[in-house]
């Protein structure tokens, strides 16, 4: 994985949120709601108790997202995840196997 896993996770989250906001919601720029979700995700990543040894969130035993934000992120990932292969192929493959 990357030398700085947290920075890489932030990059992938930002790509997914941009993709969701642009394609699913039809916005040219990231809307306030999606920006809020991204800021929340970044704050959670900055405070991850595992640091650079962080597992993928789906494999983590500690769920640090509030239920509402967790559901919003799930919606984003369900939509953007499969589409990442088309828009960001290298990051998508790396994220799947990382």
N, C-alpha and C. Protein backbone atom coordinates (compact mmCIF):
# COMPACT_ATOMS: atom_id res chain seq x y z
N UNK A 1 0.86 -1.19 0.00
CA UNK A 1 0.00 0.00 0.00
C UNK A 1 0.89 1.24 0.00
N UNK A 2 0.28 2.35 0.03
CA UNK A 2 1.01 3.62 -0.05
C UNK A 2 1.82 3.87 1.22
N UNK A 3 2.82 4.71 1.08
CA UNK A 3 3.59 5.11 2.25
C UNK A 3 2.69 5.81 3.26
N UNK A 4 1.74 6.56 2.76
CA UNK A 4 0.82 7.27 3.63
C UNK A 4 -0.60 6.79 3.33
N UNK A 5 -1.01 5.77 4.03
CA UNK A 5 -2.31 5.14 3.78
C UNK A 5 -3.47 6.11 4.01
N UNK A 6 -3.39 6.92 5.03
CA UNK A 6 -4.49 7.86 5.33
C UNK A 6 -4.66 8.84 4.18
N UNK A 7 -3.57 9.38 3.64
CA UNK A 7 -3.66 10.30 2.51
C UNK A 7 -4.27 9.61 1.30
N UNK A 8 -3.89 8.36 1.07
CA UNK A 8 -4.45 7.61 -0.04
C UNK A 8 -5.95 7.36 0.15
N UNK A 9 -6.35 7.00 1.36
CA UNK A 9 -7.78 6.78 1.65
C UNK A 9 -8.57 8.07 1.43
N UNK A 10 -8.00 9.19 1.82
CA UNK A 10 -8.67 10.48 1.59
C UNK A 10 -8.85 10.74 0.10
N UNK A 11 -7.84 10.42 -0.68
CA UNK A 11 -7.91 10.62 -2.13
C UNK A 11 -9.04 9.79 -2.73
N UNK A 12 -9.13 8.53 -2.34
CA UNK A 12 -10.17 7.64 -2.88
C UNK A 12 -11.56 8.10 -2.44
N UNK A 13 -11.70 8.47 -1.18
CA UNK A 13 -13.00 8.96 -0.68
C UNK A 13 -13.42 10.21 -1.46
N UNK A 14 -12.49 11.12 -1.68
CA UNK A 14 -12.81 12.35 -2.42
C UNK A 14 -13.23 12.02 -3.85
N UNK A 15 -12.54 11.07 -4.48
CA UNK A 15 -12.91 10.67 -5.84
C UNK A 15 -14.32 10.08 -5.87
N UNK A 16 -14.63 9.23 -4.92
CA UNK A 16 -15.95 8.61 -4.87
C UNK A 16 -17.05 9.64 -4.65
N UNK A 17 -16.81 10.57 -3.75
CA UNK A 17 -17.81 11.59 -3.46
C UNK A 17 -18.01 12.50 -4.66
N UNK A 18 -16.92 12.89 -5.33
CA UNK A 18 -17.04 13.73 -6.54
C UNK A 18 -17.83 13.00 -7.62
N UNK A 19 -17.53 11.74 -7.81
CA UNK A 19 -18.21 10.94 -8.82
C UNK A 19 -19.70 10.82 -8.51
N UNK A 20 -20.03 10.55 -7.27
CA UNK A 20 -21.43 10.45 -6.84
C UNK A 20 -22.15 11.78 -7.04
N UNK A 21 -21.55 12.85 -6.59
CA UNK A 21 -22.18 14.17 -6.66
C UNK A 21 -22.39 14.61 -8.10
N UNK A 22 -21.39 14.36 -8.94
CA UNK A 22 -21.48 14.78 -10.34
C UNK A 22 -22.44 13.90 -11.13
N UNK A 23 -22.31 12.60 -11.02
CA UNK A 23 -23.09 11.70 -11.87
C UNK A 23 -24.47 11.36 -11.31
N UNK A 24 -24.56 11.09 -10.03
CA UNK A 24 -25.83 10.69 -9.43
C UNK A 24 -26.72 11.89 -9.13
N UNK A 25 -26.12 12.94 -8.59
CA UNK A 25 -26.90 14.12 -8.21
C UNK A 25 -26.93 15.17 -9.31
N UNK A 26 -26.07 15.06 -10.31
CA UNK A 26 -26.08 15.98 -11.44
C UNK A 26 -25.46 17.33 -11.17
N UNK A 27 -24.59 17.43 -10.20
CA UNK A 27 -23.95 18.71 -9.87
C UNK A 27 -22.63 18.87 -10.62
N UNK A 28 -22.33 20.08 -11.03
CA UNK A 28 -21.04 20.35 -11.70
C UNK A 28 -19.91 20.38 -10.69
N UNK A 29 -20.17 20.95 -9.54
CA UNK A 29 -19.19 21.00 -8.46
C UNK A 29 -19.77 20.24 -7.26
N UNK A 30 -18.92 19.87 -6.33
CA UNK A 30 -19.38 19.14 -5.15
C UNK A 30 -20.32 20.04 -4.35
N UNK A 31 -21.52 19.53 -4.08
CA UNK A 31 -22.53 20.30 -3.34
C UNK A 31 -22.17 20.37 -1.86
N UNK A 32 -22.88 21.21 -1.12
CA UNK A 32 -22.60 21.40 0.30
C UNK A 32 -22.78 20.10 1.10
N UNK A 33 -23.80 19.34 0.77
CA UNK A 33 -24.06 18.09 1.48
C UNK A 33 -22.92 17.09 1.27
N UNK A 34 -22.46 16.96 0.05
CA UNK A 34 -21.35 16.05 -0.25
C UNK A 34 -20.04 16.57 0.33
N UNK A 35 -19.85 17.87 0.33
CA UNK A 35 -18.65 18.46 0.94
C UNK A 35 -18.64 18.17 2.44
N UNK A 36 -19.81 18.26 3.07
CA UNK A 36 -19.92 17.97 4.49
C UNK A 36 -19.56 16.50 4.77
N UNK A 37 -20.04 15.61 3.93
CA UNK A 37 -19.71 14.19 4.08
C UNK A 37 -18.20 13.97 3.91
N UNK A 38 -17.60 14.63 2.95
CA UNK A 38 -16.16 14.49 2.73
C UNK A 38 -15.37 15.01 3.92
N UNK A 39 -15.75 16.14 4.43
CA UNK A 39 -15.05 16.70 5.60
C UNK A 39 -15.18 15.76 6.80
N UNK A 40 -16.36 15.19 6.97
CA UNK A 40 -16.58 14.24 8.06
C UNK A 40 -15.69 13.02 7.89
N UNK A 41 -15.65 12.47 6.67
CA UNK A 41 -14.82 11.30 6.39
C UNK A 41 -13.34 11.61 6.63
N UNK A 42 -12.89 12.77 6.19
CA UNK A 42 -11.49 13.16 6.41
C UNK A 42 -11.19 13.27 7.91
N UNK A 43 -12.11 13.85 8.67
CA UNK A 43 -11.91 13.97 10.12
C UNK A 43 -11.82 12.60 10.76
N UNK A 44 -12.65 11.67 10.34
CA UNK A 44 -12.63 10.31 10.87
C UNK A 44 -11.30 9.63 10.51
N UNK A 45 -10.84 9.83 9.29
CA UNK A 45 -9.56 9.24 8.88
C UNK A 45 -8.40 9.82 9.68
N UNK A 46 -8.44 11.13 9.93
CA UNK A 46 -7.38 11.77 10.71
C UNK A 46 -7.31 11.23 12.13
N UNK A 47 -8.46 10.81 12.65
CA UNK A 47 -8.53 10.34 14.03
C UNK A 47 -8.55 8.81 14.14
N UNK A 48 -8.29 8.12 13.06
CA UNK A 48 -8.33 6.65 13.08
C UNK A 48 -7.34 6.12 14.10
N UNK A 49 -7.82 5.29 14.98
CA UNK A 49 -6.98 4.76 16.05
C UNK A 49 -5.89 3.83 15.53
N UNK A 50 -6.04 3.32 14.32
CA UNK A 50 -5.07 2.38 13.76
C UNK A 50 -3.98 3.08 12.95
N UNK A 51 -4.18 4.35 12.65
CA UNK A 51 -3.18 5.13 11.92
C UNK A 51 -2.83 4.51 10.58
N UNK A 52 -1.56 4.41 10.30
CA UNK A 52 -1.09 3.89 9.02
C UNK A 52 -1.32 2.38 8.85
N UNK A 53 -1.69 1.70 9.91
CA UNK A 53 -2.01 0.27 9.83
C UNK A 53 -3.52 0.06 9.71
N UNK A 54 -4.19 1.09 9.32
CA UNK A 54 -5.64 1.09 9.20
C UNK A 54 -6.13 0.01 8.24
N UNK A 55 -7.09 -0.81 8.67
CA UNK A 55 -7.70 -1.76 7.73
C UNK A 55 -8.76 -1.04 6.90
N UNK A 56 -9.25 -1.70 5.88
CA UNK A 56 -10.37 -1.14 5.12
C UNK A 56 -11.55 -0.99 6.10
N UNK A 57 -12.32 0.06 5.95
CA UNK A 57 -13.41 0.33 6.88
C UNK A 57 -14.37 -0.87 6.99
N UNK A 58 -14.63 -1.53 5.87
CA UNK A 58 -15.56 -2.66 5.91
C UNK A 58 -15.01 -3.82 6.74
N UNK A 59 -13.70 -3.87 6.95
CA UNK A 59 -13.08 -4.93 7.73
C UNK A 59 -12.73 -4.50 9.15
N UNK A 60 -13.04 -3.28 9.50
CA UNK A 60 -12.67 -2.73 10.80
C UNK A 60 -13.68 -3.14 11.87
N UNK A 61 -13.18 -3.43 13.06
CA UNK A 61 -14.06 -3.79 14.17
C UNK A 61 -14.59 -2.56 14.90
N UNK A 62 -13.98 -1.41 14.65
CA UNK A 62 -14.39 -0.16 15.29
C UNK A 62 -15.12 0.69 14.25
N UNK A 63 -16.39 0.93 14.48
CA UNK A 63 -17.16 1.76 13.55
C UNK A 63 -17.23 3.17 14.09
N UNK A 64 -16.48 4.06 13.47
CA UNK A 64 -16.32 5.41 14.01
C UNK A 64 -17.28 6.42 13.38
N UNK A 65 -18.05 6.02 12.38
CA UNK A 65 -19.02 6.92 11.76
C UNK A 65 -20.33 6.90 12.54
N UNK A 66 -20.97 8.06 12.65
CA UNK A 66 -22.32 8.11 13.19
C UNK A 66 -23.23 7.35 12.22
N UNK A 67 -24.30 6.75 12.70
CA UNK A 67 -25.17 5.95 11.81
C UNK A 67 -25.64 6.69 10.56
N UNK A 68 -26.04 7.94 10.69
CA UNK A 68 -26.52 8.71 9.53
C UNK A 68 -25.41 8.89 8.49
N UNK A 69 -24.22 9.25 8.95
CA UNK A 69 -23.11 9.47 8.04
C UNK A 69 -22.63 8.15 7.44
N UNK A 70 -22.71 7.11 8.21
CA UNK A 70 -22.32 5.79 7.70
C UNK A 70 -23.25 5.37 6.56
N UNK A 71 -24.54 5.63 6.70
CA UNK A 71 -25.49 5.29 5.64
C UNK A 71 -25.26 6.16 4.40
N UNK A 72 -24.97 7.43 4.61
CA UNK A 72 -24.67 8.30 3.46
C UNK A 72 -23.44 7.81 2.71
N UNK A 73 -22.40 7.43 3.45
CA UNK A 73 -21.18 6.94 2.80
C UNK A 73 -21.45 5.61 2.09
N UNK A 74 -22.28 4.78 2.66
CA UNK A 74 -22.65 3.53 1.98
C UNK A 74 -23.31 3.80 0.64
N UNK A 75 -24.23 4.77 0.62
CA UNK A 75 -24.90 5.13 -0.64
C UNK A 75 -23.88 5.59 -1.67
N UNK A 76 -22.95 6.44 -1.25
CA UNK A 76 -21.91 6.94 -2.15
C UNK A 76 -21.08 5.77 -2.68
N UNK A 77 -20.65 4.89 -1.79
CA UNK A 77 -19.78 3.79 -2.21
C UNK A 77 -20.52 2.78 -3.10
N UNK A 78 -21.79 2.54 -2.81
CA UNK A 78 -22.55 1.62 -3.66
C UNK A 78 -22.66 2.16 -5.08
N UNK A 79 -22.83 3.46 -5.19
CA UNK A 79 -22.94 4.06 -6.52
C UNK A 79 -21.57 4.19 -7.18
N UNK A 80 -20.64 4.79 -6.47
CA UNK A 80 -19.36 5.14 -7.07
C UNK A 80 -18.40 3.96 -7.19
N UNK A 81 -18.48 3.01 -6.29
CA UNK A 81 -17.54 1.89 -6.29
C UNK A 81 -17.39 1.21 -7.65
N UNK A 82 -18.49 0.71 -8.23
CA UNK A 82 -18.37 0.05 -9.53
C UNK A 82 -17.92 0.99 -10.64
N UNK A 83 -18.27 2.25 -10.55
CA UNK A 83 -17.94 3.23 -11.58
C UNK A 83 -16.50 3.72 -11.48
N UNK A 84 -15.87 3.46 -10.35
CA UNK A 84 -14.47 3.85 -10.18
C UNK A 84 -13.59 3.16 -11.21
N UNK A 85 -13.94 1.93 -11.58
CA UNK A 85 -13.14 1.21 -12.58
C UNK A 85 -13.07 1.96 -13.90
N UNK A 86 -14.11 2.65 -14.25
CA UNK A 86 -14.14 3.40 -15.50
C UNK A 86 -13.46 4.76 -15.36
N UNK A 87 -13.72 5.46 -14.26
CA UNK A 87 -13.24 6.82 -14.07
C UNK A 87 -11.82 6.90 -13.48
N UNK A 88 -11.52 6.01 -12.55
CA UNK A 88 -10.21 6.00 -11.87
C UNK A 88 -9.73 4.55 -11.77
N UNK A 89 -9.39 3.92 -12.89
CA UNK A 89 -9.11 2.47 -12.88
C UNK A 89 -7.98 2.04 -11.95
N UNK A 90 -6.87 2.75 -11.94
CA UNK A 90 -5.74 2.32 -11.11
C UNK A 90 -6.08 2.43 -9.63
N UNK A 91 -6.72 3.52 -9.25
CA UNK A 91 -7.10 3.69 -7.84
C UNK A 91 -8.15 2.65 -7.43
N UNK A 92 -9.06 2.32 -8.34
CA UNK A 92 -10.09 1.34 -8.03
C UNK A 92 -9.48 -0.03 -7.78
N UNK A 93 -8.57 -0.44 -8.65
CA UNK A 93 -7.92 -1.74 -8.51
C UNK A 93 -7.08 -1.77 -7.24
N UNK A 94 -6.35 -0.71 -7.03
CA UNK A 94 -5.50 -0.63 -5.83
C UNK A 94 -6.34 -0.66 -4.55
N UNK A 95 -7.49 0.02 -4.59
CA UNK A 95 -8.38 0.06 -3.43
C UNK A 95 -8.97 -1.33 -3.15
N UNK A 96 -9.32 -2.05 -4.20
CA UNK A 96 -9.90 -3.39 -4.04
C UNK A 96 -8.93 -4.37 -3.40
N UNK A 97 -7.66 -4.27 -3.78
CA UNK A 97 -6.68 -5.24 -3.31
C UNK A 97 -5.78 -4.70 -2.21
N UNK A 98 -6.04 -3.48 -1.75
CA UNK A 98 -5.18 -2.86 -0.74
C UNK A 98 -5.51 -3.10 0.65
